[in-house]
Amino acid sequence: MIYETIVHERSAAHRTLANVAQVILLVGFGVLFGLILADAPDVSHGADAVKALQAGPIEGEDWHGNVRRSVPGR
């Protein structure tokens, strides 16, 4: 009975340390990913983005943005 309690306490401490290590690793990867994104070039105002924003409606597009496969009247 005493032996089982000691083994259980040791395994509980092991699990706690493993969980803490996992949290530290996840936070570290999150910070690293954030730093990578912060250094990424901003492409939201490039020529392609401006052209996409100024593009007219697609032929056959309704007001929801859905495009019909066959345009009526053809």
PDB file of N, CA and C in Angstrom:
ATOM      1  N   MET A   1       0.809  -1.175   0.000  1.00  0.00           N
ATOM      2  CA  MET A   1       0.000   0.000   0.000  1.00  0.00           C
ATOM      3  C   MET A   1       0.868   1.261   0.000  1.00  0.00           C
ATOM      4  N   ILE A   2       1.875   1.278   0.874  1.00  0.00           N
ATOM      5  CA  ILE A   2       2.752   2.439   0.935  1.00  0.00           C
ATOM      6  C   ILE A   2       3.550   2.559  -0.359  1.00  0.00           C
ATOM      7  N   TYR A   3       3.997   1.429  -0.881  1.00  0.00           N
ATOM      8  CA  TYR A   3       4.773   1.436  -2.123  1.00  0.00           C
ATOM      9  C   TYR A   3       3.955   2.033  -3.269  1.00  0.00           C
ATOM     10  N   GLU A   4       2.674   1.664  -3.370  1.00  0.00           N
ATOM     11  CA  GLU A   4       1.826   2.187  -4.434  1.00  0.00           C
ATOM     12  C   GLU A   4       1.676   3.696  -4.320  1.00  0.00           C
ATOM     13  N   THR A   5       1.568   4.215  -3.111  1.00  0.00           N
ATOM     14  CA  THR A   5       1.438   5.660  -2.908  1.00  0.00           C
ATOM     15  C   THR A   5       2.700   6.383  -3.351  1.00  0.00           C
ATOM     16  N   ILE A   6       3.860   5.838  -3.019  1.00  0.00           N
ATOM     17  CA  ILE A   6       5.124   6.457  -3.414  1.00  0.00           C
ATOM     18  C   ILE A   6       5.259   6.467  -4.934  1.00  0.00           C
ATOM     19  N   VAL A   7       4.925   5.362  -5.574  1.00  0.00           N
ATOM     20  CA  VAL A   7       5.012   5.284  -7.034  1.00  0.00           C
ATOM     21  C   VAL A   7       4.051   6.274  -7.667  1.00  0.00           C
ATOM     22  N   HIS A   8       2.857   6.368  -7.115  1.00  0.00           N
ATOM     23  CA  HIS A   8       1.862   7.292  -7.658  1.00  0.00           C
ATOM     24  C   HIS A   8       2.338   8.736  -7.523  1.00  0.00           C
ATOM     25  N   GLU A   9       2.926   9.082  -6.373  1.00  0.00           N
ATOM     26  CA  GLU A   9       3.414  10.442  -6.178  1.00  0.00           C
ATOM     27  C   GLU A   9       4.551  10.760  -7.134  1.00  0.00           C
ATOM     28  N   ARG A  10       5.432   9.808  -7.371  1.00  0.00           N
ATOM     29  CA  ARG A  10       6.530  10.039  -8.306  1.00  0.00           C
ATOM     30  C   ARG A  10       6.010  10.243  -9.724  1.00  0.00           C
ATOM     31  N   SER A  11       5.043   9.424 -10.126  1.00  0.00           N
ATOM     32  CA  SER A  11       4.527   9.559 -11.482  1.00  0.00           C
ATOM     33  C   SER A  11       3.732  10.855 -11.631  1.00  0.00           C
ATOM     34  N   ALA A  12       3.071  11.306 -10.567  1.00  0.00           N
ATOM     35  CA  ALA A  12       2.335  12.566 -10.624  1.00  0.00           C
ATOM     36  C   ALA A  12       3.300  13.733 -10.788  1.00  0.00           C
ATOM     37  N   ALA A  13       4.431  13.681 -10.079  1.00  0.00           N
ATOM     38  CA  ALA A  13       5.429  14.739 -10.219  1.00  0.00           C
ATOM     39  C   ALA A  13       6.017  14.727 -11.622  1.00  0.00           C
ATOM     40  N   HIS A  14       6.227  13.559 -12.166  1.00  0.00           N
ATOM     41  CA  HIS A  14       6.760  13.435 -13.523  1.00  0.00           C
ATOM     42  C   HIS A  14       5.784  14.047 -14.527  1.00  0.00           C
ATOM     43  N   ARG A  15       4.498  13.750 -14.370  1.00  0.00           N
ATOM     44  CA  ARG A  15       3.493  14.294 -15.288  1.00  0.00           C
ATOM     45  C   ARG A  15       3.419  15.808 -15.171  1.00  0.00           C
ATOM     46  N   THR A  16       3.531  16.321 -13.953  1.00  0.00           N
ATOM     47  CA  THR A  16       3.474  17.764 -13.755  1.00  0.00           C
ATOM     48  C   THR A  16       4.649  18.437 -14.439  1.00  0.00           C
ATOM     49  N   LEU A  17       5.844  17.892 -14.281  1.00  0.00           N
ATOM     50  CA  LEU A  17       7.016  18.464 -14.940  1.00  0.00           C
ATOM     51  C   LEU A  17       6.896  18.377 -16.453  1.00  0.00           C
ATOM     52  N   ALA A  18       6.358  17.280 -16.946  1.00  0.00           N
ATOM     53  CA  ALA A  18       6.172  17.135 -18.390  1.00  0.00           C
ATOM     54  C   ALA A  18       5.163  18.156 -18.902  1.00  0.00           C
ATOM     55  N   ASN A  19       4.100  18.391 -18.152  1.00  0.00           N
ATOM     56  CA  ASN A  19       3.108  19.382 -18.564  1.00  0.00           C
ATOM     57  C   ASN A  19       3.689  20.787 -18.557  1.00  0.00           C
ATOM     58  N   VAL A  20       4.475  21.107 -17.545  1.00  0.00           N
ATOM     59  CA  VAL A  20       5.109  22.427 -17.476  1.00  0.00           C
ATOM     60  C   VAL A  20       6.080  22.604 -18.637  1.00  0.00           C
ATOM     61  N   ALA A  21       6.853  21.577 -18.935  1.00  0.00           N
ATOM     62  CA  ALA A  21       7.791  21.650 -20.059  1.00  0.00           C
ATOM     63  C   ALA A  21       7.047  21.820 -21.372  1.00  0.00           C
ATOM     64  N   GLN A  22       5.931  21.138 -21.518  1.00  0.00           N
ATOM     65  CA  GLN A  22       5.143  21.261 -22.748  1.00  0.00           C
ATOM     66  C   GLN A  22       4.584  22.676 -22.893  1.00  0.00           C
ATOM     67  N   VAL A  23       4.102  23.255 -21.818  1.00  0.00           N
ATOM     68  CA  VAL A  23       3.576  24.622 -21.868  1.00  0.00           C
ATOM     69  C   VAL A  23       4.684  25.603 -22.226  1.00  0.00           C
ATOM     70  N   ILE A  24       5.860  25.429 -21.634  1.00  0.00           N
ATOM     71  CA  ILE A  24       6.989  26.316 -21.937  1.00  0.00           C
ATOM     72  C   ILE A  24       7.373  26.205 -23.405  1.00  0.00           C
ATOM     73  N   LEU A  25       7.404  24.992 -23.942  1.00  0.00           N
ATOM     74  CA  LEU A  25       7.726  24.809 -25.359  1.00  0.00           C
ATOM     75  C   LEU A  25       6.675  25.446 -26.258  1.00  0.00           C
ATOM     76  N   LEU A  26       5.413  25.270 -25.941  1.00  0.00           N
ATOM     77  CA  LEU A  26       4.354  25.862 -26.759  1.00  0.00           C
ATOM     78  C   LEU A  26       4.406  27.385 -26.740  1.00  0.00           C
ATOM     79  N   VAL A  27       4.645  27.956 -25.580  1.00  0.00           N
ATOM     80  CA  VAL A  27       4.766  29.414 -25.491  1.00  0.00           C
ATOM     81  C   VAL A  27       5.983  29.885 -26.278  1.00  0.00           C
ATOM     82  N   GLY A  28       7.084  29.157 -26.176  1.00  0.00           N
ATOM     83  CA  GLY A  28       8.284  29.512 -26.935  1.00  0.00           C
ATOM     84  C   GLY A  28       8.055  29.461 -28.432  1.00  0.00           C
ATOM     85  N   PHE A  29       7.382  28.410 -28.905  1.00  0.00           N
ATOM     86  CA  PHE A  29       7.074  28.327 -30.335  1.00  0.00           C
ATOM     87  C   PHE A  29       6.126  29.444 -30.756  1.00  0.00           C
ATOM     88  N   GLY A  30       5.184  29.800 -29.900  1.00  0.00           N
ATOM     89  CA  GLY A  30       4.268  30.899 -30.210  1.00  0.00           C
ATOM     90  C   GLY A  30       4.994  32.224 -30.333  1.00  0.00           C
ATOM     91  N   VAL A  31       5.925  32.471 -29.424  1.00  0.00           N
ATOM     92  CA  VAL A  31       6.721  33.702 -29.485  1.00  0.00           C
ATOM     93  C   VAL A  31       7.586  33.709 -30.738  1.00  0.00           C
ATOM     94  N   LEU A  32       8.207  32.590 -31.051  1.00  0.00           N
ATOM     95  CA  LEU A  32       9.037  32.494 -32.253  1.00  0.00           C
ATOM     96  C   LEU A  32       8.203  32.734 -33.507  1.00  0.00           C
ATOM     97  N   PHE A  33       7.033  32.130 -33.569  1.00  0.00           N
ATOM     98  CA  PHE A  33       6.149  32.321 -34.724  1.00  0.00           C
ATOM     99  C   PHE A  33       5.717  33.784 -34.829  1.00  0.00           C
ATOM    100  N   GLY A  34       5.423  34.412 -33.709  1.00  0.00           N
ATOM    101  CA  GLY A  34       5.060  35.828 -33.705  1.00  0.00           C
ATOM    102  C   GLY A  34       6.191  36.710 -34.201  1.00  0.00           C
ATOM    103  N   LEU A  35       7.417  36.395 -33.799  1.00  0.00           N
ATOM    104  CA  LEU A  35       8.565  37.168 -34.273  1.00  0.00           C
ATOM    105  C   LEU A  35       8.777  36.990 -35.772  1.00  0.00           C
ATOM    106  N   ILE A  36       8.560  35.781 -36.258  1.00  0.00           N
ATOM    107  CA  ILE A  36       8.693  35.539 -37.698  1.00  0.00           C
ATOM    108  C   ILE A  36       7.644  36.340 -38.456  1.00  0.00           C
ATOM    109  N   LEU A  37       6.411  36.351 -37.958  1.00  0.00           N
ATOM    110  CA  LEU A  37       5.358  37.119 -38.621  1.00  0.00           C
ATOM    111  C   LEU A  37       5.621  38.619 -38.540  1.00  0.00           C
ATOM    112  N   ALA A  38       6.201  39.076 -37.451  1.00  0.00           N
ATOM    113  CA  ALA A  38       6.480  40.500 -37.301  1.00  0.00           C
ATOM    114  C   ALA A  38       7.544  40.962 -38.289  1.00  0.00           C
ATOM    115  N   ASP A  39       8.482  40.082 -38.632  1.00  0.00           N
ATOM    116  CA  ASP A  39       9.534  40.444 -39.575  1.00  0.00           C
ATOM    117  C   ASP A  39       9.135  40.213 -41.024  1.00  0.00           C
ATOM    118  N   ALA A  40       7.987  39.594 -41.261  1.00  0.00           N
ATOM    119  CA  ALA A  40       7.552  39.320 -42.634  1.00  0.00           C
ATOM    120  C   ALA A  40       7.212  40.635 -43.329  1.00  0.00           C
ATOM    121  N   PRO A  41       7.538  40.745 -44.607  1.00  0.00           N
ATOM    122  CA  PRO A  41       7.223  41.984 -45.321  1.00  0.00           C
ATOM    123  C   PRO A  41       5.710  42.169 -45.455  1.00  0.00           C
ATOM    124  N   ASP A  42       5.271  43.415 -45.396  1.00  0.00           N
ATOM    125  CA  ASP A  42       3.850  43.722 -45.524  1.00  0.00           C
ATOM    126  C   ASP A  42       3.493  43.770 -47.001  1.00  0.00           C
ATOM    127  N   VAL A  43       2.682  42.844 -47.440  1.00  0.00           N
ATOM    128  CA  VAL A  43       2.307  42.787 -48.855  1.00  0.00           C
ATOM    129  C   VAL A  43       0.845  43.179 -49.054  1.00  0.00           C
ATOM    130  N   SER A  44       0.219  43.731 -48.028  1.00  0.00           N
ATOM    131  CA  SER A  44      -1.199  44.056 -48.139  1.00  0.00           C
ATOM    132  C   SER A  44      -1.456  45.265 -49.024  1.00  0.00           C
ATOM    133  N   HIS A  45      -0.431  46.081 -49.293  1.00  0.00           N
ATOM    134  CA  HIS A  45      -0.629  47.261 -50.132  1.00  0.00           C
ATOM    135  C   HIS A  45       0.198  47.195 -51.404  1.00  0.00           C
ATOM    136  N   GLY A  46       0.531  45.996 -51.832  1.00  0.00           N
ATOM    137  CA  GLY A  46       1.283  45.833 -53.066  1.00  0.00           C
ATOM    138  C   GLY A  46       0.410  46.101 -54.281  1.00  0.00           C
ATOM    139  N   ALA A  47       1.026  46.103 -55.444  1.00  0.00           N
ATOM    140  CA  ALA A  47       0.311  46.393 -56.688  1.00  0.00           C
ATOM    141  C   ALA A  47      -0.789  45.366 -56.940  1.00  0.00           C
ATOM    142  N   ASP A  48      -0.533  44.099 -56.639  1.00  0.00           N
ATOM    143  CA  ASP A  48      -1.546  43.073 -56.865  1.00  0.00           C
ATOM    144  C   ASP A  48      -2.749  43.261 -55.941  1.00  0.00           C
ATOM    145  N   ALA A  49      -2.504  43.657 -54.707  1.00  0.00           N
ATOM    146  CA  ALA A  49      -3.606  43.871 -53.775  1.00  0.00           C
ATOM    147  C   ALA A  49      -4.447  45.063 -54.201  1.00  0.00           C
ATOM    148  N   VAL A  50      -3.801  46.123 -54.667  1.00  0.00           N
ATOM    149  CA  VAL A  50      -4.539  47.308 -55.120  1.00  0.00           C
ATOM    150  C   VAL A  50      -5.371  46.962 -56.346  1.00  0.00           C
ATOM    151  N   LYS A  51      -4.798  46.193 -57.280  1.00  0.00           N
ATOM    152  CA  LYS A  51      -5.552  45.777 -58.471  1.00  0.00           C
ATOM    153  C   LYS A  51      -6.752  44.924 -58.086  1.00  0.00           C
ATOM    154  N   ALA A  52      -6.578  44.050 -57.134  1.00  0.00           N
ATOM    155  CA  ALA A  52      -7.675  43.180 -56.713  1.00  0.00           C
ATOM    156  C   ALA A  52      -8.799  43.987 -56.075  1.00  0.00           C
ATOM    157  N   LEU A  53      -8.449  45.025 -55.329  1.00  0.00           N
ATOM    158  CA  LEU A  53      -9.473  45.853 -54.699  1.00  0.00           C
ATOM    159  C   LEU A  53     -10.201  46.724 -55.711  1.00  0.00           C
ATOM    160  N   GLN A  54      -9.531  47.104 -56.796  1.00  0.00           N
ATOM    161  CA  GLN A  54     -10.132  47.972 -57.801  1.00  0.00           C
ATOM    162  C   GLN A  54     -10.797  47.195 -58.928  1.00  0.00           C
ATOM    163  N   ALA A  55     -10.773  45.890 -58.877  1.00  0.00           N
ATOM    164  CA  ALA A  55     -11.351  45.077 -59.945  1.00  0.00           C
ATOM    165  C   ALA A  55     -12.866  45.222 -59.950  1.00  0.00           C
ATOM    166  N   GLY A  56     -13.426  45.198 -61.139  1.00  0.00           N
ATOM    167  CA  GLY A  56     -14.876  45.279 -61.285  1.00  0.00           C
ATOM    168  C   GLY A  56     -15.519  43.938 -60.983  1.00  0.00           C
ATOM    169  N   PRO A  57     -16.840  43.915 -61.004  1.00  0.00           N
ATOM    170  CA  PRO A  57     -17.528  42.652 -60.727  1.00  0.00           C
ATOM    171  C   PRO A  57     -17.301  41.637 -61.842  1.00  0.00           C
ATOM    172  N   ILE A  58     -17.326  40.389 -61.477  1.00  0.00           N
ATOM    173  CA  ILE A  58     -17.166  39.311 -62.449  1.00  0.00           C
ATOM    174  C   ILE A  58     -18.493  39.136 -63.177  1.00  0.00           C
ATOM    175  N   GLU A  59     -18.429  38.855 -64.456  1.00  0.00           N
ATOM    176  CA  GLU A  59     -19.646  38.676 -65.238  1.00  0.00           C
ATOM    177  C   GLU A  59     -20.421  37.470 -64.694  1.00  0.00           C
ATOM    178  N   GLY A  60     -21.693  37.672 -64.440  1.00  0.00           N
ATOM    179  CA  GLY A  60     -22.528  36.613 -63.899  1.00  0.00           C
ATOM    180  C   GLY A  60     -22.524  36.547 -62.384  1.00  0.00           C
ATOM    181  N   GLU A  61     -21.870  37.501 -61.728  1.00  0.00           N
ATOM    182  CA  GLU A  61     -21.789  37.506 -60.268  1.00  0.00           C
ATOM    183  C   GLU A  61     -23.023  38.188 -59.691  1.00  0.00           C
ATOM    184  N   ASP A  62     -23.664  37.564 -58.711  1.00  0.00           N
ATOM    185  CA  ASP A  62     -24.805  38.209 -58.071  1.00  0.00           C
ATOM    186  C   ASP A  62     -24.325  39.033 -56.876  1.00  0.00           C
ATOM    187  N   TRP A  63     -25.255  39.650 -56.171  1.00  0.00           N
ATOM    188  CA  TRP A  63     -24.865  40.558 -55.098  1.00  0.00           C
ATOM    189  C   TRP A  63     -24.303  39.844 -53.882  1.00  0.00           C
ATOM    190  N   HIS A  64     -24.414  38.508 -53.830  1.00  0.00           N
ATOM    191  CA  HIS A  64     -23.788  37.728 -52.763  1.00  0.00           C
ATOM    192  C   HIS A  64     -22.322  37.437 -53.068  1.00  0.00           C
ATOM    193  N   GLY A  65     -21.912  37.643 -54.307  1.00  0.00           N
ATOM    194  CA  GLY A  65     -20.558  37.291 -54.700  1.00  0.00           C
ATOM    195  C   GLY A  65     -20.481  35.931 -55.353  1.00  0.00           C
ATOM    196  N   ASN A  66     -21.621  35.274 -55.517  1.00  0.00           N
ATOM    197  CA  ASN A  66     -21.648  33.965 -56.164  1.00  0.00           C
ATOM    198  C   ASN A  66     -21.617  34.141 -57.676  1.00  0.00           C
ATOM    199  N   VAL A  67     -20.906  33.291 -58.342  1.00  0.00           N
ATOM    200  CA  VAL A  67     -20.795  33.360 -59.796  1.00  0.00           C
ATOM    201  C   VAL A  67     -21.548  32.176 -60.383  1.00  0.00           C
ATOM    202  N   ARG A  68     -22.419  32.477 -61.348  1.00  0.00           N
ATOM    203  CA  ARG A  68     -23.164  31.407 -62.012  1.00  0.00           C
ATOM    204  C   ARG A  68     -22.264  30.717 -63.013  1.00  0.00           C
ATOM    205  N   ARG A  69     -22.506  29.442 -63.192  1.00  0.00           N
ATOM    206  CA  ARG A  69     -21.721  28.693 -64.175  1.00  0.00           C
ATOM    207  C   ARG A  69     -22.119  29.069 -65.592  1.00  0.00           C
ATOM    208  N   SER A  70     -23.368  29.335 -65.802  1.00  0.00           N
ATOM    209  CA  SER A  70     -23.806  29.773 -67.127  1.00  0.00           C
ATOM    210  C   SER A  70     -24.460  31.140 -66.970  1.00  0.00           C
ATOM    211  N   VAL A  71     -23.976  32.103 -67.733  1.00  0.00           N
ATOM    212  CA  VAL A  71     -24.477  33.470 -67.650  1.00  0.00           C
ATOM    213  C   VAL A  71     -25.802  33.528 -68.403  1.00  0.00           C
ATOM    214  N   PRO A  72     -26.867  34.072 -67.780  1.00  0.00           N
ATOM    215  CA  PRO A  72     -28.141  34.151 -68.482  1.00  0.00           C
ATOM    216  C   PRO A  72     -28.049  35.091 -69.686  1.00  0.00           C
ATOM    217  N   GLY A  73     -28.788  34.775 -70.706  1.00  0.00           N
ATOM    218  CA  GLY A  73     -28.793  35.601 -71.906  1.00  0.00           C
ATOM    219  C   GLY A  73     -27.783  35.155 -72.935  1.00  0.00           C
ATOM    220  N   ARG A  74     -27.125  34.071 -72.709  1.00  0.00           N
ATOM    221  CA  ARG A  74     -26.134  33.599 -73.686  1.00  0.00           C
ATOM    222  C   ARG A  74     -26.532  32.263 -74.207  1.00  0.00           C
TER     223      ARG A  74
END
